[in-house]
N, C-alpha and C. Protein backbone atom coordinates (compact mmCIF):
# COMPACT_ATOMS: atom_id res chain seq x y z
N MET A 1 36.17 14.81 -92.24
CA MET A 1 35.47 14.73 -90.98
C MET A 1 36.27 13.85 -90.02
N THR A 2 36.48 14.40 -88.82
CA THR A 2 37.29 13.67 -87.84
C THR A 2 36.36 12.98 -86.87
N SER A 3 36.67 11.76 -86.56
CA SER A 3 35.88 11.04 -85.56
C SER A 3 36.79 10.73 -84.38
N TYR A 4 36.22 10.92 -83.19
CA TYR A 4 36.97 10.66 -81.97
C TYR A 4 36.57 9.32 -81.40
N ALA A 5 37.52 8.62 -80.94
CA ALA A 5 37.25 7.34 -80.30
C ALA A 5 36.66 7.60 -78.92
N PRO A 6 35.84 6.69 -78.41
CA PRO A 6 35.24 6.88 -77.09
C PRO A 6 36.28 7.05 -75.99
N THR A 7 37.44 6.41 -76.13
CA THR A 7 38.47 6.55 -75.10
C THR A 7 39.04 7.96 -75.08
N ASP A 8 39.14 8.61 -76.26
CA ASP A 8 39.63 9.99 -76.30
C ASP A 8 38.65 10.93 -75.60
N LEU A 9 37.36 10.71 -75.82
CA LEU A 9 36.34 11.54 -75.18
C LEU A 9 36.36 11.38 -73.66
N ARG A 10 36.51 10.13 -73.20
CA ARG A 10 36.59 9.89 -71.76
C ARG A 10 37.83 10.53 -71.16
N ARG A 11 38.95 10.43 -71.86
CA ARG A 11 40.20 11.02 -71.38
C ARG A 11 40.05 12.54 -71.29
N PHE A 12 39.41 13.14 -72.29
CA PHE A 12 39.19 14.59 -72.27
C PHE A 12 38.32 15.00 -71.09
N CYS A 13 37.22 14.27 -70.85
CA CYS A 13 36.32 14.57 -69.74
C CYS A 13 37.03 14.41 -68.39
N CYS A 14 37.81 13.36 -68.23
CA CYS A 14 38.54 13.14 -66.96
C CYS A 14 39.56 14.25 -66.74
N THR A 15 40.27 14.65 -67.79
CA THR A 15 41.25 15.74 -67.68
C THR A 15 40.56 17.04 -67.30
N PHE A 16 39.42 17.31 -67.92
CA PHE A 16 38.67 18.53 -67.62
C PHE A 16 38.22 18.54 -66.16
N VAL A 17 37.69 17.42 -65.68
CA VAL A 17 37.21 17.34 -64.29
C VAL A 17 38.37 17.51 -63.31
N VAL A 18 39.51 16.88 -63.58
CA VAL A 18 40.67 17.00 -62.69
C VAL A 18 41.18 18.44 -62.65
N ILE A 19 41.28 19.08 -63.80
CA ILE A 19 41.74 20.48 -63.84
C ILE A 19 40.75 21.38 -63.11
N PHE A 20 39.45 21.16 -63.32
CA PHE A 20 38.44 21.96 -62.64
C PHE A 20 38.54 21.80 -61.12
N LEU A 21 38.68 20.56 -60.63
CA LEU A 21 38.79 20.33 -59.20
C LEU A 21 40.05 20.95 -58.61
N LEU A 22 41.16 20.88 -59.35
CA LEU A 22 42.40 21.51 -58.88
C LEU A 22 42.25 23.02 -58.78
N LEU A 23 41.64 23.63 -59.79
CA LEU A 23 41.43 25.08 -59.76
C LEU A 23 40.48 25.48 -58.62
N ALA A 24 39.44 24.71 -58.41
CA ALA A 24 38.51 24.99 -57.32
C ALA A 24 39.21 24.85 -55.97
N GLY A 25 40.05 23.84 -55.82
CA GLY A 25 40.79 23.65 -54.57
C GLY A 25 41.77 24.78 -54.32
N VAL A 26 42.49 25.20 -55.35
CA VAL A 26 43.45 26.30 -55.20
C VAL A 26 42.71 27.60 -54.84
N THR A 27 41.58 27.84 -55.50
CA THR A 27 40.78 29.04 -55.20
C THR A 27 40.29 29.02 -53.76
N THR A 28 39.79 27.88 -53.32
CA THR A 28 39.32 27.76 -51.94
C THR A 28 40.46 27.99 -50.94
N LEU A 29 41.62 27.43 -51.23
CA LEU A 29 42.78 27.62 -50.36
C LEU A 29 43.19 29.10 -50.28
N ILE A 30 43.19 29.78 -51.41
CA ILE A 30 43.56 31.20 -51.43
C ILE A 30 42.55 32.02 -50.62
N VAL A 31 41.25 31.77 -50.82
CA VAL A 31 40.22 32.49 -50.06
C VAL A 31 40.37 32.21 -48.57
N TRP A 32 40.63 30.96 -48.21
CA TRP A 32 40.79 30.62 -46.79
C TRP A 32 42.01 31.32 -46.20
N LEU A 33 43.12 31.36 -46.95
CA LEU A 33 44.33 32.02 -46.45
C LEU A 33 44.13 33.52 -46.28
N ILE A 34 43.34 34.12 -47.16
CA ILE A 34 43.09 35.56 -47.06
C ILE A 34 42.18 35.87 -45.87
N TYR A 35 41.11 35.11 -45.72
CA TYR A 35 40.11 35.42 -44.69
C TYR A 35 40.32 34.65 -43.39
N ARG A 36 40.93 33.53 -43.42
CA ARG A 36 41.24 32.64 -42.31
C ARG A 36 40.55 32.99 -41.00
N PRO A 37 39.35 32.47 -40.74
CA PRO A 37 38.64 32.83 -39.52
C PRO A 37 39.30 32.24 -38.28
N HIS A 38 39.41 33.06 -37.24
CA HIS A 38 39.94 32.63 -35.95
C HIS A 38 38.78 32.51 -34.96
N ARG A 39 38.97 31.67 -33.97
CA ARG A 39 37.95 31.49 -32.93
C ARG A 39 37.77 32.78 -32.14
N PRO A 40 36.55 33.03 -31.68
CA PRO A 40 36.34 34.17 -30.78
C PRO A 40 36.94 33.86 -29.41
N HIS A 41 37.22 34.91 -28.64
CA HIS A 41 37.73 34.77 -27.28
C HIS A 41 36.64 35.17 -26.30
N PHE A 42 36.49 34.41 -25.24
CA PHE A 42 35.52 34.70 -24.19
C PHE A 42 36.24 34.80 -22.85
N THR A 43 35.87 35.79 -22.02
CA THR A 43 36.44 35.97 -20.69
C THR A 43 35.31 36.38 -19.74
N VAL A 44 35.27 35.76 -18.57
CA VAL A 44 34.31 36.15 -17.53
C VAL A 44 34.95 37.26 -16.70
N ILE A 45 34.24 38.40 -16.58
CA ILE A 45 34.82 39.52 -15.81
C ILE A 45 33.99 39.88 -14.59
N GLY A 46 32.82 39.26 -14.43
CA GLY A 46 31.99 39.58 -13.26
C GLY A 46 30.98 38.48 -12.98
N ALA A 47 30.62 38.35 -11.70
CA ALA A 47 29.63 37.35 -11.30
C ALA A 47 28.81 37.90 -10.15
N ALA A 48 27.54 37.53 -10.13
CA ALA A 48 26.65 37.90 -9.03
C ALA A 48 25.75 36.71 -8.72
N VAL A 49 25.50 36.50 -7.45
CA VAL A 49 24.60 35.43 -7.01
C VAL A 49 23.44 36.09 -6.27
N TYR A 50 22.22 35.89 -6.79
CA TYR A 50 21.03 36.49 -6.20
C TYR A 50 20.25 35.51 -5.34
N ASP A 51 20.50 34.22 -5.56
CA ASP A 51 19.81 33.19 -4.78
C ASP A 51 20.58 31.89 -4.93
N LEU A 52 20.79 31.20 -3.83
CA LEU A 52 21.37 29.85 -3.86
C LEU A 52 20.75 29.09 -2.70
N ASN A 53 19.76 28.27 -3.04
CA ASN A 53 19.00 27.54 -2.04
C ASN A 53 19.36 26.07 -2.11
N THR A 54 20.11 25.62 -1.11
CA THR A 54 20.51 24.20 -1.04
C THR A 54 19.87 23.51 0.16
N THR A 55 18.81 24.08 0.70
CA THR A 55 18.23 23.55 1.93
C THR A 55 17.30 22.37 1.72
N SER A 56 16.93 22.05 0.48
CA SER A 56 16.02 20.91 0.27
C SER A 56 16.59 19.96 -0.78
N PRO A 57 17.75 19.32 -0.50
CA PRO A 57 18.30 18.39 -1.47
C PRO A 57 17.36 17.21 -1.66
N PRO A 58 17.32 16.57 -2.77
CA PRO A 58 18.24 16.66 -3.92
C PRO A 58 17.81 17.68 -4.97
N VAL A 59 17.11 18.73 -4.55
CA VAL A 59 16.70 19.78 -5.48
C VAL A 59 17.27 21.10 -4.96
N ILE A 60 17.88 21.88 -5.88
CA ILE A 60 18.38 23.20 -5.49
C ILE A 60 17.82 24.24 -6.46
N SER A 61 17.84 25.47 -6.04
CA SER A 61 17.49 26.56 -6.96
C SER A 61 18.53 27.66 -6.78
N THR A 62 18.86 28.29 -7.86
CA THR A 62 19.83 29.37 -7.82
C THR A 62 19.54 30.36 -8.94
N THR A 63 19.88 31.61 -8.70
CA THR A 63 19.81 32.64 -9.73
C THR A 63 21.16 33.35 -9.72
N MET A 64 21.82 33.34 -10.87
CA MET A 64 23.15 33.94 -10.99
C MET A 64 23.21 34.80 -12.24
N GLN A 65 24.14 35.74 -12.23
CA GLN A 65 24.39 36.57 -13.40
C GLN A 65 25.89 36.65 -13.63
N PHE A 66 26.28 36.47 -14.87
CA PHE A 66 27.69 36.53 -15.23
C PHE A 66 27.88 37.58 -16.32
N THR A 67 28.95 38.34 -16.22
CA THR A 67 29.32 39.27 -17.28
C THR A 67 30.47 38.64 -18.05
N VAL A 68 30.20 38.39 -19.33
CA VAL A 68 31.16 37.73 -20.21
C VAL A 68 31.51 38.68 -21.33
N VAL A 69 32.80 38.86 -21.56
CA VAL A 69 33.26 39.69 -22.67
C VAL A 69 33.74 38.77 -23.77
N THR A 70 33.21 38.97 -24.97
CA THR A 70 33.64 38.18 -26.11
C THR A 70 34.27 39.10 -27.14
N ARG A 71 35.40 38.64 -27.69
CA ARG A 71 36.15 39.45 -28.65
C ARG A 71 36.30 38.67 -29.96
N ASN A 72 36.02 39.35 -31.06
CA ASN A 72 36.22 38.78 -32.39
C ASN A 72 37.60 39.25 -32.86
N PRO A 73 38.59 38.34 -32.96
CA PRO A 73 39.94 38.75 -33.33
C PRO A 73 40.16 38.90 -34.84
N ASN A 74 39.15 38.58 -35.64
CA ASN A 74 39.31 38.55 -37.09
C ASN A 74 39.32 39.95 -37.69
N LYS A 75 40.24 40.17 -38.64
CA LYS A 75 40.34 41.46 -39.32
C LYS A 75 39.35 41.59 -40.47
N ARG A 76 39.02 40.47 -41.10
CA ARG A 76 38.17 40.52 -42.30
C ARG A 76 36.87 39.73 -42.17
N VAL A 77 36.66 39.09 -41.03
CA VAL A 77 35.53 38.17 -40.89
C VAL A 77 34.69 38.55 -39.68
N SER A 78 33.38 38.69 -39.88
CA SER A 78 32.46 38.90 -38.76
C SER A 78 31.84 37.56 -38.38
N ILE A 79 31.25 37.51 -37.19
CA ILE A 79 30.70 36.26 -36.66
C ILE A 79 29.23 36.48 -36.32
N SER A 80 28.40 35.54 -36.71
CA SER A 80 26.98 35.59 -36.38
C SER A 80 26.65 34.37 -35.51
N TYR A 81 26.08 34.61 -34.31
CA TYR A 81 25.73 33.53 -33.39
C TYR A 81 24.21 33.32 -33.43
N ASP A 82 23.82 32.05 -33.50
CA ASP A 82 22.40 31.67 -33.45
C ASP A 82 22.20 30.65 -32.34
N HIS A 83 21.01 30.60 -31.80
CA HIS A 83 20.62 29.58 -30.82
C HIS A 83 21.57 29.52 -29.62
N LEU A 84 21.97 30.65 -29.11
CA LEU A 84 22.86 30.67 -27.94
C LEU A 84 22.07 30.37 -26.67
N SER A 85 22.64 29.55 -25.81
CA SER A 85 22.06 29.32 -24.50
C SER A 85 23.20 29.19 -23.50
N ALA A 86 22.88 29.42 -22.23
CA ALA A 86 23.89 29.39 -21.17
C ALA A 86 23.33 28.67 -19.96
N TYR A 87 24.19 27.94 -19.27
CA TYR A 87 23.83 27.32 -18.00
C TYR A 87 25.06 27.24 -17.12
N VAL A 88 24.84 26.97 -15.83
CA VAL A 88 25.92 26.87 -14.86
C VAL A 88 25.98 25.43 -14.37
N SER A 89 27.20 24.92 -14.23
CA SER A 89 27.36 23.59 -13.65
C SER A 89 28.34 23.65 -12.49
N TYR A 90 28.21 22.66 -11.61
CA TYR A 90 29.08 22.53 -10.45
C TYR A 90 29.45 21.06 -10.36
N ARG A 91 30.73 20.78 -10.28
CA ARG A 91 31.22 19.40 -10.26
C ARG A 91 30.63 18.59 -11.42
N ASN A 92 30.66 19.18 -12.60
CA ASN A 92 30.19 18.56 -13.84
C ASN A 92 28.71 18.19 -13.84
N GLN A 93 27.92 18.82 -12.98
CA GLN A 93 26.47 18.61 -13.00
C GLN A 93 25.78 19.95 -13.14
N GLN A 94 24.83 20.02 -14.06
CA GLN A 94 24.11 21.26 -14.33
C GLN A 94 23.28 21.64 -13.11
N ILE A 95 23.43 22.90 -12.65
CA ILE A 95 22.66 23.35 -11.48
C ILE A 95 21.66 24.46 -11.83
N THR A 96 21.61 24.86 -13.11
CA THR A 96 20.59 25.81 -13.56
C THR A 96 19.99 25.30 -14.87
N PRO A 97 18.75 25.66 -15.14
CA PRO A 97 18.22 25.34 -16.47
C PRO A 97 18.89 26.24 -17.51
N PRO A 98 18.93 25.81 -18.77
CA PRO A 98 19.54 26.66 -19.81
C PRO A 98 18.74 27.95 -20.00
N ALA A 99 19.45 29.05 -20.12
CA ALA A 99 18.82 30.34 -20.43
C ALA A 99 19.10 30.66 -21.89
N VAL A 100 18.05 30.95 -22.64
CA VAL A 100 18.19 31.26 -24.07
C VAL A 100 18.62 32.71 -24.22
N LEU A 101 19.68 32.93 -24.98
CA LEU A 101 20.20 34.28 -25.22
C LEU A 101 19.78 34.75 -26.61
N PRO A 102 19.65 36.05 -26.81
CA PRO A 102 19.28 36.56 -28.13
C PRO A 102 20.41 36.33 -29.14
N PRO A 103 20.07 36.25 -30.44
CA PRO A 103 21.11 36.13 -31.46
C PRO A 103 22.08 37.30 -31.38
N LEU A 104 23.32 37.07 -31.78
CA LEU A 104 24.35 38.08 -31.65
C LEU A 104 25.13 38.17 -32.95
N PHE A 105 25.31 39.38 -33.46
CA PHE A 105 26.16 39.61 -34.63
C PHE A 105 27.40 40.34 -34.16
N HIS A 106 28.55 39.77 -34.44
CA HIS A 106 29.81 40.28 -33.91
C HIS A 106 30.67 40.79 -35.06
N GLU A 107 30.80 42.11 -35.16
CA GLU A 107 31.60 42.73 -36.24
C GLU A 107 33.08 42.37 -36.09
N ARG A 108 33.85 42.68 -37.13
CA ARG A 108 35.29 42.43 -37.13
C ARG A 108 35.99 43.26 -36.06
N LYS A 109 36.94 42.63 -35.38
CA LYS A 109 37.80 43.32 -34.40
C LYS A 109 37.00 44.12 -33.37
N THR A 110 35.92 43.56 -32.87
CA THR A 110 35.12 44.25 -31.86
C THR A 110 34.99 43.39 -30.60
N THR A 111 34.54 44.03 -29.55
CA THR A 111 34.32 43.36 -28.27
C THR A 111 32.88 43.62 -27.84
N VAL A 112 32.22 42.57 -27.36
CA VAL A 112 30.82 42.66 -26.93
C VAL A 112 30.72 42.06 -25.53
N ALA A 113 29.94 42.70 -24.66
CA ALA A 113 29.71 42.17 -23.31
C ALA A 113 28.32 41.57 -23.22
N LEU A 114 28.22 40.40 -22.61
CA LEU A 114 26.95 39.72 -22.36
C LEU A 114 26.78 39.60 -20.85
N SER A 115 25.55 39.79 -20.36
CA SER A 115 25.29 39.64 -18.91
C SER A 115 24.00 38.86 -18.70
N PRO A 116 24.01 37.57 -19.03
CA PRO A 116 22.78 36.79 -18.86
C PRO A 116 22.48 36.48 -17.40
N ILE A 117 21.21 36.52 -17.06
CA ILE A 117 20.74 36.05 -15.75
C ILE A 117 20.29 34.61 -15.94
N ILE A 118 20.86 33.73 -15.15
CA ILE A 118 20.67 32.29 -15.35
C ILE A 118 20.07 31.69 -14.09
N GLY A 119 19.09 30.81 -14.27
CA GLY A 119 18.53 30.08 -13.13
C GLY A 119 17.11 30.47 -12.84
N GLY A 120 16.72 30.35 -11.56
CA GLY A 120 15.38 30.70 -11.14
C GLY A 120 14.48 29.52 -10.91
N ALA A 121 14.79 28.38 -11.50
CA ALA A 121 13.92 27.20 -11.36
C ALA A 121 14.63 26.14 -10.53
N MET A 122 13.86 25.23 -9.98
CA MET A 122 14.40 24.13 -9.20
C MET A 122 15.04 23.11 -10.15
N VAL A 123 16.21 22.61 -9.76
CA VAL A 123 16.94 21.64 -10.58
C VAL A 123 17.32 20.46 -9.69
N PRO A 124 17.00 19.24 -10.14
CA PRO A 124 17.42 18.07 -9.34
C PRO A 124 18.93 17.86 -9.48
N VAL A 125 19.59 17.58 -8.35
CA VAL A 125 21.02 17.33 -8.35
C VAL A 125 21.31 16.12 -7.46
N SER A 126 22.51 15.60 -7.58
CA SER A 126 22.90 14.49 -6.72
C SER A 126 23.16 15.01 -5.31
N LEU A 127 23.11 14.12 -4.35
CA LEU A 127 23.37 14.49 -2.96
C LEU A 127 24.80 14.98 -2.80
N GLU A 128 25.72 14.41 -3.56
CA GLU A 128 27.13 14.84 -3.52
C GLU A 128 27.27 16.30 -3.94
N VAL A 129 26.54 16.70 -4.99
CA VAL A 129 26.59 18.09 -5.46
C VAL A 129 26.00 19.03 -4.42
N ALA A 130 24.85 18.68 -3.85
CA ALA A 130 24.22 19.54 -2.84
C ALA A 130 25.13 19.69 -1.62
N ASN A 131 25.70 18.58 -1.14
CA ASN A 131 26.60 18.64 0.02
C ASN A 131 27.88 19.41 -0.32
N GLY A 132 28.40 19.23 -1.51
CA GLY A 132 29.61 19.94 -1.93
C GLY A 132 29.39 21.44 -1.97
N LEU A 133 28.23 21.88 -2.46
CA LEU A 133 27.92 23.31 -2.47
C LEU A 133 27.86 23.87 -1.06
N VAL A 134 27.23 23.12 -0.14
CA VAL A 134 27.13 23.58 1.24
C VAL A 134 28.52 23.71 1.86
N MET A 135 29.38 22.72 1.63
CA MET A 135 30.74 22.74 2.20
C MET A 135 31.57 23.86 1.59
N ASP A 136 31.48 24.05 0.25
CA ASP A 136 32.26 25.10 -0.41
C ASP A 136 31.80 26.49 0.03
N GLU A 137 30.48 26.65 0.23
CA GLU A 137 29.96 27.93 0.74
C GLU A 137 30.50 28.22 2.13
N ALA A 138 30.57 27.17 2.95
CA ALA A 138 31.09 27.35 4.31
C ALA A 138 32.57 27.75 4.26
N TYR A 139 33.30 27.21 3.29
CA TYR A 139 34.71 27.54 3.13
C TYR A 139 34.90 28.93 2.52
N GLY A 140 33.94 29.35 1.67
CA GLY A 140 33.98 30.68 1.07
C GLY A 140 34.46 30.74 -0.36
N VAL A 141 34.74 29.57 -0.97
CA VAL A 141 35.18 29.53 -2.37
C VAL A 141 34.41 28.42 -3.07
N VAL A 142 33.75 28.77 -4.18
CA VAL A 142 32.96 27.80 -4.94
C VAL A 142 33.48 27.76 -6.37
N GLY A 143 33.76 26.57 -6.86
CA GLY A 143 34.19 26.40 -8.25
C GLY A 143 32.98 26.17 -9.14
N LEU A 144 32.77 27.06 -10.09
CA LEU A 144 31.62 26.96 -11.01
C LEU A 144 32.11 26.91 -12.44
N ARG A 145 31.25 26.41 -13.30
CA ARG A 145 31.53 26.41 -14.74
C ARG A 145 30.34 27.03 -15.45
N LEU A 146 30.61 28.09 -16.21
CA LEU A 146 29.60 28.69 -17.07
C LEU A 146 29.78 28.09 -18.46
N VAL A 147 28.70 27.59 -19.03
CA VAL A 147 28.75 26.95 -20.34
C VAL A 147 27.82 27.69 -21.29
N LEU A 148 28.34 28.08 -22.45
CA LEU A 148 27.53 28.67 -23.52
C LEU A 148 27.58 27.73 -24.71
N THR A 149 26.44 27.42 -25.26
CA THR A 149 26.37 26.57 -26.45
C THR A 149 25.53 27.27 -27.51
N GLY A 150 25.75 26.91 -28.75
CA GLY A 150 24.97 27.49 -29.83
C GLY A 150 25.58 27.14 -31.17
N ARG A 151 25.25 27.97 -32.14
CA ARG A 151 25.77 27.78 -33.50
C ARG A 151 26.29 29.13 -33.98
N LEU A 152 27.35 29.07 -34.77
CA LEU A 152 27.87 30.30 -35.35
C LEU A 152 28.20 30.08 -36.81
N ARG A 153 28.33 31.20 -37.51
CA ARG A 153 28.86 31.15 -38.88
C ARG A 153 29.66 32.41 -39.12
N TRP A 154 30.64 32.27 -39.98
CA TRP A 154 31.51 33.39 -40.31
C TRP A 154 31.00 34.06 -41.58
N LYS A 155 31.20 35.39 -41.66
CA LYS A 155 30.77 36.15 -42.83
C LYS A 155 31.90 37.08 -43.24
N ALA A 156 32.31 36.98 -44.51
CA ALA A 156 33.35 37.86 -45.05
C ALA A 156 32.81 38.43 -46.36
N GLY A 157 32.39 39.68 -46.34
CA GLY A 157 31.79 40.28 -47.52
C GLY A 157 30.52 39.53 -47.88
N ALA A 158 30.46 39.04 -49.11
CA ALA A 158 29.28 38.28 -49.55
C ALA A 158 29.40 36.80 -49.21
N LEU A 159 30.57 36.36 -48.76
CA LEU A 159 30.78 34.95 -48.45
C LEU A 159 30.29 34.63 -47.04
N ARG A 160 29.54 33.54 -46.91
CA ARG A 160 29.08 33.07 -45.61
C ARG A 160 29.43 31.60 -45.49
N SER A 161 29.90 31.24 -44.30
CA SER A 161 30.19 29.83 -44.06
C SER A 161 28.90 29.12 -43.67
N GLY A 162 28.98 27.80 -43.57
CA GLY A 162 27.87 27.04 -43.01
C GLY A 162 27.82 27.23 -41.51
N HIS A 163 26.84 26.62 -40.86
CA HIS A 163 26.72 26.73 -39.40
C HIS A 163 27.67 25.74 -38.74
N TYR A 164 28.30 26.19 -37.66
CA TYR A 164 29.18 25.35 -36.86
C TYR A 164 28.69 25.41 -35.42
N GLY A 165 28.75 24.28 -34.74
CA GLY A 165 28.42 24.26 -33.33
C GLY A 165 29.53 24.93 -32.53
N VAL A 166 29.15 25.68 -31.50
CA VAL A 166 30.14 26.33 -30.65
C VAL A 166 29.85 25.93 -29.20
N TYR A 167 30.91 25.59 -28.46
CA TYR A 167 30.82 25.18 -27.06
C TYR A 167 31.86 25.97 -26.29
N VAL A 168 31.40 26.84 -25.40
CA VAL A 168 32.30 27.70 -24.61
C VAL A 168 32.20 27.26 -23.16
N LYS A 169 33.36 27.00 -22.55
CA LYS A 169 33.41 26.50 -21.18
C LYS A 169 34.29 27.45 -20.36
N CYS A 170 33.71 28.06 -19.32
CA CYS A 170 34.42 29.02 -18.48
C CYS A 170 34.47 28.48 -17.05
N ASP A 171 35.61 28.00 -16.64
CA ASP A 171 35.80 27.51 -15.27
C ASP A 171 36.29 28.66 -14.41
N MET A 172 35.68 28.82 -13.23
CA MET A 172 36.06 29.94 -12.37
C MET A 172 35.87 29.58 -10.91
N LEU A 173 36.57 30.30 -10.07
CA LEU A 173 36.37 30.23 -8.63
C LEU A 173 35.76 31.55 -8.18
N VAL A 174 34.66 31.46 -7.43
CA VAL A 174 34.03 32.68 -6.92
C VAL A 174 34.07 32.66 -5.40
N GLY A 175 34.26 33.84 -4.82
CA GLY A 175 34.21 33.97 -3.38
C GLY A 175 32.76 34.12 -2.95
N LEU A 176 32.22 33.09 -2.29
CA LEU A 176 30.79 33.08 -1.95
C LEU A 176 30.61 32.53 -0.55
N LYS A 177 29.99 33.32 0.29
CA LYS A 177 29.65 32.89 1.65
C LYS A 177 28.15 32.64 1.74
N LYS A 178 27.75 31.71 2.58
CA LYS A 178 26.33 31.38 2.74
C LYS A 178 25.54 32.61 3.16
N GLY A 179 24.43 32.81 2.47
CA GLY A 179 23.55 33.93 2.79
C GLY A 179 23.89 35.23 2.08
N PHE A 180 25.05 35.28 1.39
CA PHE A 180 25.43 36.51 0.71
C PHE A 180 24.65 36.63 -0.59
N VAL A 181 24.18 37.84 -0.89
CA VAL A 181 23.44 38.12 -2.12
C VAL A 181 24.09 39.31 -2.80
N GLY A 182 24.32 39.19 -4.11
CA GLY A 182 24.88 40.30 -4.87
C GLY A 182 26.13 39.89 -5.61
N GLU A 183 26.92 40.90 -5.98
CA GLU A 183 28.13 40.65 -6.75
C GLU A 183 29.16 39.94 -5.87
N VAL A 184 29.74 38.88 -6.42
CA VAL A 184 30.74 38.10 -5.69
C VAL A 184 32.09 38.25 -6.38
N PRO A 185 33.16 38.19 -5.61
CA PRO A 185 34.48 38.36 -6.23
C PRO A 185 34.88 37.14 -7.05
N LEU A 186 35.44 37.40 -8.21
CA LEU A 186 36.04 36.34 -9.01
C LEU A 186 37.49 36.21 -8.58
N LEU A 187 37.92 35.01 -8.33
CA LEU A 187 39.31 34.78 -7.96
C LEU A 187 40.09 34.56 -9.25
N GLY A 188 40.48 35.67 -9.89
CA GLY A 188 41.10 35.63 -11.22
C GLY A 188 40.09 36.05 -12.26
N SER A 189 40.56 36.30 -13.47
CA SER A 189 39.68 36.66 -14.59
C SER A 189 39.83 35.58 -15.64
N PRO A 190 39.03 34.52 -15.50
CA PRO A 190 39.30 33.32 -16.30
C PRO A 190 38.96 33.47 -17.79
N ASP A 191 39.93 33.06 -18.61
CA ASP A 191 39.64 32.91 -20.03
C ASP A 191 38.87 31.61 -20.20
N CYS A 192 38.08 31.55 -21.23
CA CYS A 192 37.26 30.39 -21.48
C CYS A 192 37.82 29.58 -22.64
N SER A 193 37.58 28.28 -22.62
CA SER A 193 37.97 27.46 -23.76
C SER A 193 36.81 27.45 -24.75
N VAL A 194 37.14 27.55 -26.04
CA VAL A 194 36.14 27.61 -27.10
C VAL A 194 36.38 26.46 -28.07
N ASP A 195 35.37 25.61 -28.23
CA ASP A 195 35.43 24.51 -29.19
C ASP A 195 34.42 24.76 -30.30
N ILE A 196 34.88 24.65 -31.54
CA ILE A 196 33.98 24.85 -32.69
C ILE A 196 34.04 23.61 -33.56
């Protein structure tokens, strides 16, 4: 009958744990290299302004619609978006309340267009923002930022990632004159920055 010393048993357990962790790490690395999820791409291709009321500062109201095209560049990974919302800001101050968007499932190598209508309610702003909007409207060019926030996760076959926060920022210049209602020209087709 063979008896093992406690140090031999501990050494065996430590070796087993180290080998198991190495194998798990190598497996994870191989799966990541095969599926390697890439960030989605967002581009604003259209804008419309249905209302922009700056006549009673420090409160403004506006209703805008943006057409955003999002592309999933992944060959093997689909993307699922949850809790998406969008708002518009001007000079780093929010000028619309957040609009909640429906959940979105984005298949591999596909493109999806979103056209949320944002605004409709009164929003308090600084006097600088209200005056800046009036001056930019008089000039005919307004710099806006469309922001989309939410959570996403990647799906590859039966594998699903955890939830990640997503922050999409689209800076654009729109041609807008006071009193104009409807589709406004985008000065360029701005790509958006995506942080995950």
